[in-house]
Protein backbone atom coordinates (compact mmCIF):
# COMPACT_ATOMS: atom_id res chain seq x y z
CA MET A 1 0.06 0.12 0.05
CA SER A 2 1.11 3.47 -0.73
CA ASP A 3 1.86 6.07 1.79
CA TYR A 4 -1.19 7.70 0.28
CA HIS A 5 -3.59 4.84 1.05
CA ASN A 6 -2.10 4.43 4.56
CA LEU A 7 -2.88 7.91 5.27
CA LEU A 8 -6.07 7.68 4.34
CA HIS A 9 -6.56 4.69 6.40
CA VAL A 10 -5.16 6.21 9.41
CA ILE A 11 -7.42 9.44 9.36
CA LYS A 12 -10.53 6.93 8.64
CA SER A 13 -9.73 5.05 11.94
CA ARG A 14 -9.11 8.19 13.78
CA VAL A 15 -12.54 9.74 12.48
CA CYS A 16 -14.43 6.38 13.41
CA GLU A 17 -12.65 6.10 16.90
CA ASN A 18 -13.56 9.81 17.78
CA ARG A 19 -17.08 8.96 17.47
CA SER A 20 -16.90 5.69 18.81
CA MET A 21 -17.94 4.03 15.25
CA SER A 22 -16.73 0.98 13.83
CA HIS A 23 -15.37 1.75 10.60
CA SER A 24 -16.61 -1.48 9.15
CA ALA A 25 -19.84 -1.90 10.76
CA TYR A 26 -21.75 0.38 8.29
CA TYR A 27 -22.73 -0.88 4.78
CA PRO A 28 -21.29 1.07 1.92
CA GLY A 29 -23.30 4.03 0.89
CA SER A 30 -25.32 4.13 4.60
CA MET A 31 -25.31 7.52 5.92
CA GLN A 32 -23.04 6.90 8.36
CA ASP A 33 -20.50 5.46 5.91
CA ASN A 34 -20.83 8.34 3.84
CA GLN A 35 -20.36 10.50 6.64
CA ILE A 36 -16.85 8.84 7.72
CA ARG A 37 -15.57 8.86 3.80
CA ASN A 38 -16.56 12.70 3.45
CA ARG A 39 -14.79 13.82 6.70
CA THR A 40 -11.88 11.54 5.86
CA ALA A 41 -11.72 12.99 2.64
CA LEU A 42 -11.65 16.17 3.63
CA ILE A 43 -8.86 15.90 6.22
CA TYR A 44 -6.82 14.16 3.57
CA VAL A 45 -7.20 17.03 1.01
CA LEU A 46 -6.25 19.26 3.92
CA GLU A 47 -3.10 17.47 4.63
CA MET A 48 -2.31 17.07 0.58
CA ILE A 49 -2.81 20.75 0.41
CA LEU A 50 -0.56 21.79 3.38
CA HIS A 51 2.00 19.36 2.10
CA GLN A 52 2.12 21.06 -1.07
CA HIS A 53 2.36 24.45 0.84
CA ARG A 54 5.35 22.83 2.82
CA GLN A 55 7.09 22.12 -0.05
CA GLN A 56 6.71 25.52 -1.87
CA TYR A 57 7.52 27.75 1.26
CA GLY A 58 9.06 25.48 3.82
CA THR A 59 12.75 25.89 4.57
CA ILE A 60 15.20 23.97 6.41
CA PHE A 61 15.05 27.01 9.10
CA ASN A 62 11.10 26.66 9.20
CA PRO A 63 9.70 23.74 7.57
CA LEU A 64 6.21 24.49 8.56
CA GLU A 65 5.70 21.23 10.28
CA GLU A 66 2.34 20.74 12.06
CA LYS A 67 0.03 23.64 12.18
CA ALA A 68 2.57 25.84 11.08
CA ALA A 69 1.51 25.00 7.27
CA LEU A 70 -2.07 25.89 8.06
CA HIS A 71 -1.44 29.15 9.84
CA HIS A 72 1.14 30.23 7.08
CA LEU A 73 -1.34 29.45 4.30
CA ILE A 74 -4.05 31.66 6.20
CA PHE A 75 -1.69 34.41 6.65
CA MET A 76 -0.69 34.47 3.21
CA LYS A 77 -4.38 34.64 1.89
CA THR A 78 -5.33 37.24 4.59
CA LYS A 79 -2.47 39.03 5.67
CA TRP A 80 -4.13 38.47 9.53
CA ARG A 81 -1.75 38.83 12.23
CA PRO A 82 -0.37 35.30 13.24
CA SER A 83 -1.70 35.53 16.81
CA GLU A 84 -5.20 35.92 15.26
CA ILE A 85 -4.61 32.98 13.33
CA ARG A 86 -3.34 30.75 15.95
CA GLU A 87 -6.93 31.31 17.89
CA LEU A 88 -8.94 29.99 15.03
CA LYS A 89 -10.77 26.76 15.76
CA LEU A 90 -9.96 24.19 12.79
CA GLU A 91 -13.48 24.51 11.37
CA ASP A 92 -12.96 28.24 11.12
CA ALA A 93 -9.50 27.69 9.40
CA LEU A 94 -11.02 25.41 6.98
CA PHE A 95 -13.86 27.75 6.15
CA VAL A 96 -11.02 30.55 5.25
CA ILE A 97 -9.23 28.45 3.17
CA GLN A 98 -12.30 26.60 1.47
CA ASP A 99 -11.33 27.50 -2.01
CA GLU A 100 -7.87 25.61 -1.61
CA LEU A 101 -9.71 22.40 -0.46
CA ARG A 102 -10.63 20.86 -3.71
CA ILE A 103 -9.78 17.43 -4.93
CA GLU A 104 -8.50 18.94 -8.47
CA ASN A 105 -5.87 20.82 -6.13
CA ILE A 106 -3.99 17.85 -5.08
CA SER A 107 -1.46 15.62 -7.06
CA ASP A 108 -2.21 13.23 -9.44
CA GLU A 109 -1.09 10.49 -6.99
CA ALA A 110 -2.94 11.95 -4.01
CA GLN A 111 -6.12 11.79 -6.14
CA GLU A 112 -5.39 8.78 -7.41
CA ALA A 113 -5.63 7.10 -3.98
CA LEU A 114 -8.55 8.87 -3.21
CA SER A 115 -10.40 7.84 -6.13
CA SER A 116 -10.26 4.36 -4.80
CA PHE A 117 -12.07 5.61 -1.62
CA ASN A 118 -15.37 5.62 -2.97
CA LEU A 119 -16.49 9.03 -1.91
CA PRO A 120 -20.31 9.90 -1.94
CA LEU A 121 -21.27 12.14 -4.66
CA ALA A 122 -23.41 14.65 -2.22
CA ALA A 123 -22.25 15.76 1.04
CA PHE A 124 -22.67 13.81 4.09
CA LEU A 125 -21.60 15.88 7.03
CA PHE A 126 -21.26 15.39 10.74
CA GLU A 127 -22.82 17.86 12.79
CA ASP A 128 -19.88 18.52 15.04
CA PHE A 129 -16.10 19.05 13.84
CA PRO A 130 -13.81 17.86 16.66
CA GLU A 131 -10.30 19.02 16.61
CA GLU A 132 -9.20 15.88 17.29
CA ASP A 133 -10.28 14.45 13.70
CA TRP A 134 -6.97 16.20 12.45
CA ASN A 135 -4.12 14.51 14.16
CA TYR A 136 -1.36 16.45 12.28
CA ARG A 137 1.33 14.50 14.36
CA GLU A 138 0.29 11.40 13.40
CA ASN A 139 -0.23 12.21 9.97
CA SER A 140 3.41 13.73 9.61
CA ALA A 141 5.14 10.52 9.52
CA PHE A 142 3.32 9.50 6.31
CA LEU A 143 4.00 13.20 4.90
CA ARG A 144 7.28 12.73 6.02
CA ASN A 145 7.59 9.67 3.71
CA LEU A 146 6.31 11.41 0.63
CA MET A 147 8.60 14.32 1.21
CA MET A 148 11.79 11.94 1.60
CA LYS A 149 10.60 10.21 -1.67
CA ALA A 150 10.28 13.46 -3.48
CA THR A 151 13.58 14.59 -2.66
CA GLN A 152 14.97 11.57 -3.64
């Protein structure tokens, strides 16, 4: 399995875990299954957008790890003070970068992994958005592998 597929699996597991849902207990196409897939895909696309942002703007002095890439992206779009950006809840930060969070904005390899994920054709959203759904520290291991492969 590729790092992209592994990252999707880890994100899906975390989304399910945060809601005490089994990621295999729901039949494909059910509302719960679609909600899980939709949230997983959103976080995956976020990670891929931030990965590309790190590649473009990160340096050996500041590689824009973890939340720093999201904060830098928001800063570049809005010119808000960094202290204001750091206070944003994840859901609000995603709203600010909504125009970036599109499947066509991620790499072909990342899109390929997502295409096998059977996303629903319509939006199926959870009512809440716990910050824990995005575990950027856990995801960073997979992203580091992608970064190392890109530099080889």
